[in-house]
Amino acid sequence: MMTDGTVIFINGTSSSGKTAIVHALQNLLVEPYLEAGIDKFIFMMPERYLDRPLWDDVLGLADKAGDAGHDLVHGMHRAVAELSRAGCNVVADHVVVEAAWARDLMKQFADLPVYLVGIQCPLGVLEERERSRKNRTLGQAKLQFPVIHQYCRYDLEVDTSNLSPEECALHIKERLSKPPQALKQMRQML
């Protein structure tokens, strides 16, 4: 019988440091972890959808999804769940800005070993990171900031304003030694 792979979802706003933590975890963890987060799925879209205003019309805004955005996230959840059921470990960045996405996480991953990690970072730091990075849409973090942690409970939270990606990864690795609880707590809240 195949053992389900471990899934680590890293939830935070744009420019919070999720991707750097994903890569630090991949380098730190002994077992291989596939990177299968939201950015990977967004960039599967035809290139014409990746520019505004078509992005806004199809995928939605930074804090609200359009129909295609909902389909994309629900598809990502199912793909990651199937990777886990196939025995693959997965680390995935996420931006849970919709209550429906949190509910779908609970549904799709009810029987799987899934850790939810919340990425904290002050808004001023996020906005400075957006300005300094040339590949970000200004204002995304500000739109996501009030809702990003509204729908989730976490197995662990880390603050990227005072921890490096490698330090965050070490904290996450340590947390993996205990069973995940966040999704169970989220289900009990409903």
N, C-alpha and C. Protein backbone atom coordinates (compact mmCIF):
# COMPACT_ATOMS: atom_id res chain seq x y z
N MET A 1 0.84 -1.19 0.00
CA MET A 1 0.00 0.00 0.00
C MET A 1 0.88 1.25 0.00
N MET A 2 0.56 2.18 -0.85
CA MET A 2 1.34 3.41 -0.98
C MET A 2 1.01 4.38 0.15
N THR A 3 2.05 5.03 0.66
CA THR A 3 1.86 6.05 1.68
C THR A 3 1.63 7.40 1.02
N ASP A 4 0.65 8.14 1.53
CA ASP A 4 0.39 9.47 0.99
C ASP A 4 1.59 10.37 1.23
N GLY A 5 1.88 11.21 0.25
CA GLY A 5 2.95 12.18 0.41
C GLY A 5 2.51 13.34 1.28
N THR A 6 3.47 13.97 1.91
CA THR A 6 3.21 15.14 2.75
C THR A 6 3.05 16.37 1.87
N VAL A 7 2.09 17.22 2.22
CA VAL A 7 1.85 18.48 1.51
C VAL A 7 2.08 19.63 2.49
N ILE A 8 2.81 20.63 2.03
CA ILE A 8 3.01 21.86 2.80
C ILE A 8 2.48 23.01 1.96
N PHE A 9 1.38 23.63 2.41
CA PHE A 9 0.87 24.83 1.76
C PHE A 9 1.40 26.05 2.51
N ILE A 10 1.99 26.96 1.78
CA ILE A 10 2.53 28.19 2.35
C ILE A 10 1.66 29.34 1.86
N ASN A 11 0.90 29.93 2.78
CA ASN A 11 -0.08 30.96 2.44
C ASN A 11 0.39 32.34 2.89
N GLY A 12 0.42 33.27 1.95
CA GLY A 12 0.79 34.64 2.27
C GLY A 12 0.53 35.55 1.09
N THR A 13 0.62 36.84 1.34
CA THR A 13 0.37 37.81 0.28
C THR A 13 1.46 37.77 -0.78
N SER A 14 1.20 38.46 -1.85
CA SER A 14 2.22 38.71 -2.85
C SER A 14 3.40 39.39 -2.16
N SER A 15 4.60 39.03 -2.53
CA SER A 15 5.86 39.61 -2.02
C SER A 15 6.15 39.28 -0.56
N SER A 16 5.48 38.28 -0.01
CA SER A 16 5.74 37.92 1.39
C SER A 16 6.93 36.98 1.54
N GLY A 17 7.43 36.42 0.45
CA GLY A 17 8.59 35.54 0.52
C GLY A 17 8.26 34.07 0.37
N LYS A 18 7.08 33.76 -0.13
CA LYS A 18 6.65 32.37 -0.24
C LYS A 18 7.57 31.54 -1.13
N THR A 19 7.88 32.04 -2.30
CA THR A 19 8.69 31.27 -3.25
C THR A 19 10.08 31.01 -2.70
N ALA A 20 10.67 31.99 -2.06
CA ALA A 20 12.00 31.79 -1.47
C ALA A 20 11.95 30.71 -0.38
N ILE A 21 10.87 30.67 0.39
CA ILE A 21 10.73 29.63 1.42
C ILE A 21 10.54 28.27 0.76
N VAL A 22 9.74 28.21 -0.30
CA VAL A 22 9.54 26.94 -1.01
C VAL A 22 10.90 26.39 -1.46
N HIS A 23 11.72 27.24 -2.07
CA HIS A 23 13.03 26.78 -2.56
C HIS A 23 13.96 26.41 -1.41
N ALA A 24 13.91 27.15 -0.31
CA ALA A 24 14.73 26.82 0.86
C ALA A 24 14.31 25.46 1.43
N LEU A 25 13.01 25.20 1.45
CA LEU A 25 12.53 23.89 1.92
C LEU A 25 13.00 22.77 1.00
N GLN A 26 12.92 22.99 -0.29
CA GLN A 26 13.36 21.96 -1.23
C GLN A 26 14.84 21.64 -1.03
N ASN A 27 15.63 22.65 -0.71
CA ASN A 27 17.06 22.43 -0.47
C ASN A 27 17.33 21.79 0.89
N LEU A 28 16.49 22.06 1.86
CA LEU A 28 16.71 21.59 3.23
C LEU A 28 16.20 20.18 3.49
N LEU A 29 15.02 19.86 2.98
CA LEU A 29 14.39 18.58 3.30
C LEU A 29 15.10 17.44 2.55
N VAL A 30 15.29 16.33 3.25
CA VAL A 30 15.99 15.19 2.67
C VAL A 30 15.18 14.58 1.54
N GLU A 31 13.87 14.39 1.77
CA GLU A 31 13.01 13.81 0.75
C GLU A 31 12.74 14.85 -0.34
N PRO A 32 12.52 14.39 -1.57
CA PRO A 32 12.17 15.37 -2.61
C PRO A 32 10.75 15.91 -2.40
N TYR A 33 10.59 17.21 -2.56
CA TYR A 33 9.29 17.89 -2.50
C TYR A 33 9.07 18.60 -3.83
N LEU A 34 7.99 18.27 -4.50
CA LEU A 34 7.64 18.93 -5.75
C LEU A 34 7.10 20.32 -5.48
N GLU A 35 7.47 21.28 -6.30
CA GLU A 35 6.92 22.63 -6.20
C GLU A 35 5.69 22.69 -7.10
N ALA A 36 4.52 22.89 -6.50
CA ALA A 36 3.27 22.87 -7.27
C ALA A 36 2.32 23.93 -6.75
N GLY A 37 2.77 25.16 -6.68
CA GLY A 37 1.97 26.22 -6.11
C GLY A 37 1.22 27.04 -7.14
N ILE A 38 0.57 28.06 -6.64
CA ILE A 38 -0.33 28.90 -7.44
C ILE A 38 0.37 29.53 -8.64
N ASP A 39 1.61 29.99 -8.46
CA ASP A 39 2.30 30.62 -9.59
C ASP A 39 2.54 29.63 -10.73
N LYS A 40 2.86 28.39 -10.39
CA LYS A 40 3.07 27.36 -11.42
C LYS A 40 1.79 27.17 -12.23
N PHE A 41 0.65 27.19 -11.55
CA PHE A 41 -0.62 26.99 -12.24
C PHE A 41 -1.03 28.22 -13.04
N ILE A 42 -0.80 29.40 -12.50
CA ILE A 42 -1.12 30.62 -13.25
C ILE A 42 -0.33 30.68 -14.55
N PHE A 43 0.95 30.29 -14.48
CA PHE A 43 1.78 30.39 -15.67
C PHE A 43 1.55 29.25 -16.66
N MET A 44 0.59 28.38 -16.37
CA MET A 44 0.12 27.41 -17.37
C MET A 44 -0.89 28.06 -18.31
N MET A 45 -1.43 29.22 -17.90
CA MET A 45 -2.41 29.93 -18.72
C MET A 45 -1.74 30.43 -20.01
N PRO A 46 -2.52 30.59 -21.10
CA PRO A 46 -1.96 31.21 -22.30
C PRO A 46 -1.39 32.58 -21.95
N GLU A 47 -0.30 32.94 -22.58
CA GLU A 47 0.42 34.16 -22.25
C GLU A 47 -0.46 35.41 -22.32
N ARG A 48 -1.41 35.45 -23.23
CA ARG A 48 -2.25 36.65 -23.36
C ARG A 48 -3.06 36.94 -22.10
N TYR A 49 -3.31 35.91 -21.27
CA TYR A 49 -4.08 36.12 -20.04
C TYR A 49 -3.23 36.67 -18.90
N LEU A 50 -1.94 36.71 -19.08
CA LEU A 50 -1.05 37.12 -18.00
C LEU A 50 -0.85 38.63 -17.95
N ASP A 51 -1.39 39.35 -18.90
CA ASP A 51 -1.30 40.81 -18.92
C ASP A 51 -2.65 41.42 -18.56
N ARG A 52 -2.59 42.54 -17.86
CA ARG A 52 -3.82 43.26 -17.54
C ARG A 52 -4.26 44.01 -18.80
N PRO A 53 -5.53 44.25 -19.05
CA PRO A 53 -6.67 43.99 -18.16
C PRO A 53 -7.27 42.60 -18.32
N LEU A 54 -6.81 41.82 -19.32
CA LEU A 54 -7.40 40.50 -19.54
C LEU A 54 -7.27 39.63 -18.28
N TRP A 55 -6.15 39.73 -17.56
CA TRP A 55 -5.96 39.00 -16.30
C TRP A 55 -7.13 39.28 -15.36
N ASP A 56 -7.44 40.57 -15.17
CA ASP A 56 -8.51 40.95 -14.24
C ASP A 56 -9.86 40.40 -14.69
N ASP A 57 -10.12 40.43 -15.99
CA ASP A 57 -11.40 39.97 -16.51
C ASP A 57 -11.56 38.46 -16.38
N VAL A 58 -10.47 37.71 -16.51
CA VAL A 58 -10.56 36.24 -16.53
C VAL A 58 -10.21 35.64 -15.18
N LEU A 59 -9.05 36.01 -14.63
CA LEU A 59 -8.59 35.41 -13.38
C LEU A 59 -9.15 36.14 -12.16
N GLY A 60 -9.37 37.43 -12.27
CA GLY A 60 -9.87 38.21 -11.15
C GLY A 60 -8.82 39.18 -10.65
N LEU A 61 -9.15 39.88 -9.58
CA LEU A 61 -8.23 40.84 -8.98
C LEU A 61 -7.39 40.13 -7.92
N ALA A 62 -6.45 40.84 -7.33
CA ALA A 62 -5.53 40.24 -6.36
C ALA A 62 -6.23 39.71 -5.12
N ASP A 63 -7.40 40.27 -4.79
CA ASP A 63 -8.10 39.83 -3.58
C ASP A 63 -9.45 39.17 -3.87
N LYS A 64 -9.79 39.00 -5.13
CA LYS A 64 -11.04 38.33 -5.54
C LYS A 64 -10.78 37.61 -6.85
N ALA A 65 -11.32 36.42 -6.96
CA ALA A 65 -11.10 35.64 -8.17
C ALA A 65 -12.26 35.76 -9.14
N GLY A 66 -11.92 35.68 -10.41
CA GLY A 66 -12.93 35.52 -11.45
C GLY A 66 -13.24 34.05 -11.62
N ASP A 67 -14.11 33.71 -12.54
CA ASP A 67 -14.49 32.31 -12.75
C ASP A 67 -13.28 31.44 -13.07
N ALA A 68 -12.42 31.92 -13.96
CA ALA A 68 -11.23 31.14 -14.33
C ALA A 68 -10.28 31.03 -13.14
N GLY A 69 -10.21 32.05 -12.31
CA GLY A 69 -9.37 31.99 -11.12
C GLY A 69 -9.84 30.92 -10.15
N HIS A 70 -11.17 30.85 -9.97
CA HIS A 70 -11.72 29.79 -9.11
C HIS A 70 -11.43 28.41 -9.69
N ASP A 71 -11.64 28.26 -11.00
CA ASP A 71 -11.36 26.97 -11.64
C ASP A 71 -9.90 26.59 -11.49
N LEU A 72 -9.02 27.57 -11.67
CA LEU A 72 -7.58 27.32 -11.58
C LEU A 72 -7.19 26.84 -10.19
N VAL A 73 -7.68 27.52 -9.15
CA VAL A 73 -7.32 27.14 -7.77
C VAL A 73 -7.93 25.79 -7.41
N HIS A 74 -9.16 25.55 -7.79
CA HIS A 74 -9.78 24.26 -7.49
C HIS A 74 -9.03 23.14 -8.23
N GLY A 75 -8.62 23.41 -9.46
CA GLY A 75 -7.81 22.43 -10.20
C GLY A 75 -6.46 22.18 -9.54
N MET A 76 -5.83 23.25 -9.05
CA MET A 76 -4.56 23.11 -8.34
C MET A 76 -4.74 22.23 -7.12
N HIS A 77 -5.80 22.47 -6.34
CA HIS A 77 -6.04 21.65 -5.15
C HIS A 77 -6.17 20.18 -5.51
N ARG A 78 -6.92 19.88 -6.55
CA ARG A 78 -7.11 18.49 -6.94
C ARG A 78 -5.81 17.87 -7.44
N ALA A 79 -5.03 18.62 -8.21
CA ALA A 79 -3.76 18.11 -8.72
C ALA A 79 -2.79 17.81 -7.57
N VAL A 80 -2.69 18.73 -6.61
CA VAL A 80 -1.80 18.53 -5.47
C VAL A 80 -2.28 17.34 -4.63
N ALA A 81 -3.58 17.22 -4.43
CA ALA A 81 -4.10 16.09 -3.67
C ALA A 81 -3.76 14.76 -4.35
N GLU A 82 -3.89 14.72 -5.68
CA GLU A 82 -3.56 13.49 -6.40
C GLU A 82 -2.06 13.19 -6.35
N LEU A 83 -1.23 14.22 -6.41
CA LEU A 83 0.21 13.99 -6.24
C LEU A 83 0.50 13.36 -4.89
N SER A 84 -0.15 13.87 -3.84
CA SER A 84 0.02 13.30 -2.51
C SER A 84 -0.43 11.84 -2.48
N ARG A 85 -1.61 11.56 -3.05
CA ARG A 85 -2.13 10.19 -3.04
C ARG A 85 -1.23 9.24 -3.84
N ALA A 86 -0.47 9.80 -4.78
CA ALA A 86 0.48 8.99 -5.56
C ALA A 86 1.81 8.80 -4.82
N GLY A 87 1.90 9.37 -3.61
CA GLY A 87 3.10 9.19 -2.81
C GLY A 87 4.12 10.31 -2.92
N CYS A 88 3.78 11.36 -3.66
CA CYS A 88 4.71 12.48 -3.84
C CYS A 88 4.55 13.49 -2.71
N ASN A 89 5.65 14.02 -2.23
CA ASN A 89 5.63 15.15 -1.30
C ASN A 89 5.54 16.42 -2.12
N VAL A 90 4.78 17.40 -1.63
CA VAL A 90 4.55 18.65 -2.37
C VAL A 90 4.70 19.83 -1.42
N VAL A 91 5.36 20.88 -1.90
CA VAL A 91 5.35 22.17 -1.21
C VAL A 91 4.78 23.18 -2.20
N ALA A 92 3.79 23.94 -1.75
CA ALA A 92 3.06 24.81 -2.67
C ALA A 92 2.78 26.16 -2.03
N ASP A 93 3.11 27.21 -2.76
CA ASP A 93 2.72 28.55 -2.31
C ASP A 93 1.25 28.76 -2.67
N HIS A 94 0.57 29.55 -1.84
CA HIS A 94 -0.85 29.78 -2.05
C HIS A 94 -1.18 31.21 -1.62
N VAL A 95 -2.30 31.70 -2.10
CA VAL A 95 -2.81 33.02 -1.72
C VAL A 95 -4.30 32.83 -1.46
N VAL A 96 -4.65 32.36 -0.28
CA VAL A 96 -6.04 32.02 0.05
C VAL A 96 -6.80 33.31 0.38
N VAL A 97 -7.35 33.92 -0.67
CA VAL A 97 -8.08 35.18 -0.50
C VAL A 97 -9.59 34.99 -0.65
N GLU A 98 -10.02 33.76 -0.81
CA GLU A 98 -11.44 33.46 -0.98
C GLU A 98 -11.85 32.39 0.03
N ALA A 99 -12.98 32.58 0.68
CA ALA A 99 -13.49 31.58 1.63
C ALA A 99 -13.73 30.24 0.92
N ALA A 100 -14.17 30.29 -0.33
CA ALA A 100 -14.42 29.05 -1.08
C ALA A 100 -13.14 28.24 -1.24
N TRP A 101 -12.00 28.91 -1.33
CA TRP A 101 -10.73 28.18 -1.47
C TRP A 101 -10.38 27.46 -0.18
N ALA A 102 -10.62 28.09 0.95
CA ALA A 102 -10.37 27.44 2.24
C ALA A 102 -11.28 26.23 2.41
N ARG A 103 -12.55 26.38 2.03
CA ARG A 103 -13.48 25.26 2.12
C ARG A 103 -13.03 24.11 1.21
N ASP A 104 -12.54 24.46 0.02
CA ASP A 104 -12.07 23.43 -0.91
C ASP A 104 -10.81 22.74 -0.37
N LEU A 105 -9.93 23.50 0.28
CA LEU A 105 -8.77 22.87 0.91
C LEU A 105 -9.23 21.81 1.92
N MET A 106 -10.20 22.18 2.75
CA MET A 106 -10.70 21.23 3.76
C MET A 106 -11.29 19.99 3.10
N LYS A 107 -12.01 20.19 2.01
CA LYS A 107 -12.66 19.07 1.32
C LYS A 107 -11.63 18.17 0.62
N GLN A 108 -10.74 18.76 -0.14
CA GLN A 108 -9.80 17.98 -0.95
C GLN A 108 -8.72 17.28 -0.13
N PHE A 109 -8.38 17.86 1.02
CA PHE A 109 -7.24 17.34 1.79
C PHE A 109 -7.65 16.75 3.14
N ALA A 110 -8.92 16.42 3.29
CA ALA A 110 -9.43 15.92 4.57
C ALA A 110 -8.70 14.68 5.05
N ASP A 111 -8.30 13.83 4.13
CA ASP A 111 -7.70 12.55 4.52
C ASP A 111 -6.19 12.50 4.24
N LEU A 112 -5.57 13.64 4.00
CA LEU A 112 -4.16 13.67 3.62
C LEU A 112 -3.32 14.42 4.65
N PRO A 113 -2.03 14.11 4.72
CA PRO A 113 -1.13 14.82 5.65
C PRO A 113 -0.74 16.18 5.08
N VAL A 114 -1.48 17.21 5.49
CA VAL A 114 -1.29 18.56 4.95
C VAL A 114 -0.99 19.53 6.07
N TYR A 115 0.08 20.29 5.90
CA TYR A 115 0.46 21.34 6.83
C TYR A 115 0.15 22.68 6.19
N LEU A 116 -0.46 23.57 6.95
CA LEU A 116 -0.70 24.93 6.49
C LEU A 116 0.24 25.85 7.25
N VAL A 117 1.00 26.64 6.49
CA VAL A 117 1.96 27.58 7.07
C VAL A 117 1.56 28.99 6.66
N GLY A 118 1.36 29.85 7.64
CA GLY A 118 1.00 31.24 7.38
C GLY A 118 2.24 32.11 7.36
N ILE A 119 2.35 32.94 6.34
CA ILE A 119 3.48 33.85 6.21
C ILE A 119 3.01 35.23 6.65
N GLN A 120 3.57 35.71 7.74
CA GLN A 120 3.29 37.05 8.25
C GLN A 120 4.38 38.01 7.76
N CYS A 121 3.98 39.24 7.54
CA CYS A 121 4.93 40.27 7.16
C CYS A 121 4.18 41.61 7.21
N PRO A 122 4.75 42.62 7.83
CA PRO A 122 4.07 43.92 7.91
C PRO A 122 3.83 44.51 6.51
N LEU A 123 2.70 45.21 6.39
CA LEU A 123 2.32 45.78 5.09
C LEU A 123 3.40 46.69 4.52
N GLY A 124 4.02 47.52 5.34
CA GLY A 124 5.07 48.41 4.84
C GLY A 124 6.22 47.67 4.21
N VAL A 125 6.60 46.55 4.79
CA VAL A 125 7.68 45.72 4.24
C VAL A 125 7.24 45.11 2.91
N LEU A 126 6.00 44.63 2.87
CA LEU A 126 5.47 44.05 1.64
C LEU A 126 5.46 45.08 0.50
N GLU A 127 5.01 46.29 0.81
CA GLU A 127 4.95 47.33 -0.22
C GLU A 127 6.35 47.73 -0.70
N GLU A 128 7.31 47.76 0.19
CA GLU A 128 8.68 48.07 -0.21
C GLU A 128 9.23 46.96 -1.11
N ARG A 129 8.94 45.73 -0.77
CA ARG A 129 9.38 44.61 -1.62
C ARG A 129 8.75 44.70 -3.00
N GLU A 130 7.46 45.05 -3.05
CA GLU A 130 6.79 45.21 -4.35
C GLU A 130 7.48 46.27 -5.19
N ARG A 131 7.80 47.40 -4.57
CA ARG A 131 8.44 48.49 -5.31
C ARG A 131 9.84 48.10 -5.81
N SER A 132 10.57 47.34 -4.99
CA SER A 132 11.94 47.00 -5.35
C SER A 132 12.01 45.88 -6.39
N ARG A 133 10.96 45.08 -6.47
CA ARG A 133 10.93 44.00 -7.45
C ARG A 133 10.25 44.52 -8.70
N LYS A 134 10.85 44.31 -9.82
CA LYS A 134 10.33 44.86 -11.07
C LYS A 134 9.25 43.99 -11.71
N ASN A 135 9.01 42.81 -11.14
CA ASN A 135 8.05 41.89 -11.76
C ASN A 135 6.76 41.75 -10.96
N ARG A 136 6.42 42.75 -10.15
CA ARG A 136 5.21 42.71 -9.33
C ARG A 136 4.28 43.85 -9.70
N THR A 137 3.00 43.58 -9.59
CA THR A 137 2.01 44.63 -9.78
C THR A 137 1.86 45.35 -8.44
N LEU A 138 2.11 46.65 -8.46
CA LEU A 138 2.01 47.43 -7.23
C LEU A 138 0.57 47.39 -6.71
N GLY A 139 0.44 47.21 -5.41
CA GLY A 139 -0.88 47.22 -4.79
C GLY A 139 -1.45 45.85 -4.49
N GLN A 140 -0.86 44.78 -5.04
CA GLN A 140 -1.39 43.43 -4.78
C GLN A 140 -1.36 43.10 -3.29
N ALA A 141 -0.21 43.32 -2.67
CA ALA A 141 -0.07 42.97 -1.26
C ALA A 141 -1.08 43.75 -0.40
N LYS A 142 -1.27 45.02 -0.73
CA LYS A 142 -2.21 45.84 0.06
C LYS A 142 -3.63 45.31 -0.06
N LEU A 143 -4.02 44.86 -1.26
CA LEU A 143 -5.35 44.29 -1.45
C LEU A 143 -5.51 42.97 -0.70
N GLN A 144 -4.47 42.15 -0.71
CA GLN A 144 -4.54 40.83 -0.09
C GLN A 144 -4.38 40.87 1.43
N PHE A 145 -3.67 41.87 1.92
CA PHE A 145 -3.29 41.94 3.33
C PHE A 145 -4.47 41.75 4.30
N PRO A 146 -5.61 42.44 4.10
CA PRO A 146 -6.70 42.29 5.09
C PRO A 146 -7.39 40.93 5.08
N VAL A 147 -7.24 40.15 4.00
CA VAL A 147 -7.99 38.90 3.89
C VAL A 147 -7.14 37.64 3.88
N ILE A 148 -5.84 37.77 3.73
CA ILE A 148 -4.99 36.61 3.47
C ILE A 148 -5.07 35.55 4.56
N HIS A 149 -5.21 35.94 5.81
CA HIS A 149 -5.24 34.96 6.90
C HIS A 149 -6.64 34.80 7.50
N GLN A 150 -7.62 35.42 6.89
CA GLN A 150 -8.98 35.43 7.41
C GLN A 150 -9.63 34.05 7.40
N TYR A 151 -9.31 33.22 6.42
CA TYR A 151 -10.02 31.96 6.23
C TYR A 151 -9.25 30.73 6.68
N CYS A 152 -8.03 30.90 7.16
CA CYS A 152 -7.18 29.75 7.50
C CYS A 152 -6.76 29.76 8.95
N ARG A 153 -6.50 28.58 9.45
CA ARG A 153 -5.77 28.36 10.69
C ARG A 153 -4.48 27.69 10.27
N TYR A 154 -3.46 27.78 11.09
CA TYR A 154 -2.14 27.31 10.66
C TYR A 154 -1.51 26.33 11.63
N ASP A 155 -0.71 25.46 11.06
CA ASP A 155 0.13 24.59 11.86
C ASP A 155 1.35 25.36 12.36
N LEU A 156 1.72 26.40 11.63
CA LEU A 156 2.87 27.22 11.99
C LEU A 156 2.73 28.55 11.26
N GLU A 157 3.18 29.62 11.91
CA GLU A 157 3.28 30.93 11.27
C GLU A 157 4.71 31.42 11.42
N VAL A 158 5.22 32.03 10.37
CA VAL A 158 6.57 32.61 10.39
C VAL A 158 6.47 34.04 9.86
N ASP A 159 7.37 34.89 10.32
CA ASP A 159 7.40 36.29 9.92
C ASP A 159 8.64 36.53 9.07
N THR A 160 8.42 36.82 7.80
CA THR A 160 9.55 36.99 6.87
C THR A 160 10.20 38.36 6.97
N SER A 161 9.66 39.22 7.83
CA SER A 161 10.33 40.51 8.02
C SER A 161 11.51 40.38 8.99
N ASN A 162 11.53 39.30 9.77
CA ASN A 162 12.65 39.12 10.70
C ASN A 162 13.31 37.76 10.62
N LEU A 163 12.85 36.89 9.71
CA LEU A 163 13.49 35.59 9.48
C LEU A 163 13.83 35.44 8.02
N SER A 164 14.99 34.87 7.73
CA SER A 164 15.38 34.59 6.35
C SER A 164 14.57 33.41 5.83
N PRO A 165 14.54 33.20 4.52
CA PRO A 165 13.85 32.02 3.99
C PRO A 165 14.40 30.72 4.59
N GLU A 166 15.70 30.67 4.79
CA GLU A 166 16.32 29.46 5.36
C GLU A 166 15.88 29.25 6.81
N GLU A 167 15.78 30.33 7.57
CA GLU A 167 15.31 30.22 8.96
C GLU A 167 13.85 29.79 9.00
N CYS A 168 13.04 30.34 8.11
CA CYS A 168 11.64 29.91 8.01
C CYS A 168 11.57 28.42 7.68
N ALA A 169 12.38 27.99 6.72
CA ALA A 169 12.39 26.59 6.32
C ALA A 169 12.77 25.69 7.49
N LEU A 170 13.72 26.11 8.30
CA LEU A 170 14.11 25.32 9.49
C LEU A 170 12.95 25.18 10.46
N HIS A 171 12.23 26.26 10.70
CA HIS A 171 11.06 26.20 11.59
C HIS A 171 10.00 25.25 11.03
N ILE A 172 9.79 25.31 9.73
CA ILE A 172 8.80 24.44 9.09
C ILE A 172 9.25 22.98 9.20
N LYS A 173 10.52 22.72 8.93
CA LYS A 173 11.05 21.35 9.04
C LYS A 173 10.82 20.82 10.45
N GLU A 174 11.09 21.62 11.46
CA GLU A 174 10.87 21.20 12.85
C GLU A 174 9.40 20.86 13.09
N ARG A 175 8.50 21.67 12.53
CA ARG A 175 7.07 21.45 12.73
C ARG A 175 6.59 20.15 12.10
N LEU A 176 7.28 19.69 11.05
CA LEU A 176 6.89 18.46 10.37
C LEU A 176 7.06 17.22 11.25
N SER A 177 7.75 17.36 12.37
CA SER A 177 7.94 16.21 13.27
C SER A 177 6.67 15.88 14.05
N LYS A 178 5.68 16.77 14.02
CA LYS A 178 4.39 16.53 14.70
C LYS A 178 3.28 16.49 13.66
N PRO A 179 2.20 15.77 13.94
CA PRO A 179 1.10 15.68 12.97
C PRO A 179 0.46 17.06 12.71
N PRO A 180 -0.03 17.25 11.49
CA PRO A 180 -0.72 18.51 11.18
C PRO A 180 -2.05 18.60 11.91
N GLN A 181 -2.46 19.83 12.24
CA GLN A 181 -3.72 20.05 12.97
C GLN A 181 -4.61 21.12 12.33
N ALA A 182 -4.05 21.97 11.50
CA ALA A 182 -4.76 23.17 11.04
C ALA A 182 -6.07 22.85 10.31
N LEU A 183 -6.03 21.93 9.35
CA LEU A 183 -7.26 21.62 8.61
C LEU A 183 -8.33 21.05 9.53
N LYS A 184 -7.93 20.23 10.48
CA LYS A 184 -8.88 19.69 11.44
C LYS A 184 -9.51 20.82 12.25
N GLN A 185 -8.71 21.79 12.68
CA GLN A 185 -9.24 22.93 13.43
C GLN A 185 -10.17 23.76 12.56
N MET A 186 -9.84 23.93 11.30
CA MET A 186 -10.71 24.68 10.39
C MET A 186 -12.05 23.99 10.22
N ARG A 187 -12.04 22.66 10.11
CA ARG A 187 -13.29 21.91 9.95
C ARG A 187 -14.15 22.04 11.22
N GLN A 188 -13.54 22.02 12.37
CA GLN A 188 -14.28 22.14 13.62
C GLN A 188 -14.93 23.51 13.76
N MET A 189 -14.34 24.53 13.17
CA MET A 189 -14.88 25.89 13.24
C MET A 189 -16.16 26.04 12.44
N LEU A 190 -16.31 25.23 11.40
CA LEU A 190 -17.50 25.34 10.53
C LEU A 190 -18.73 24.79 11.19
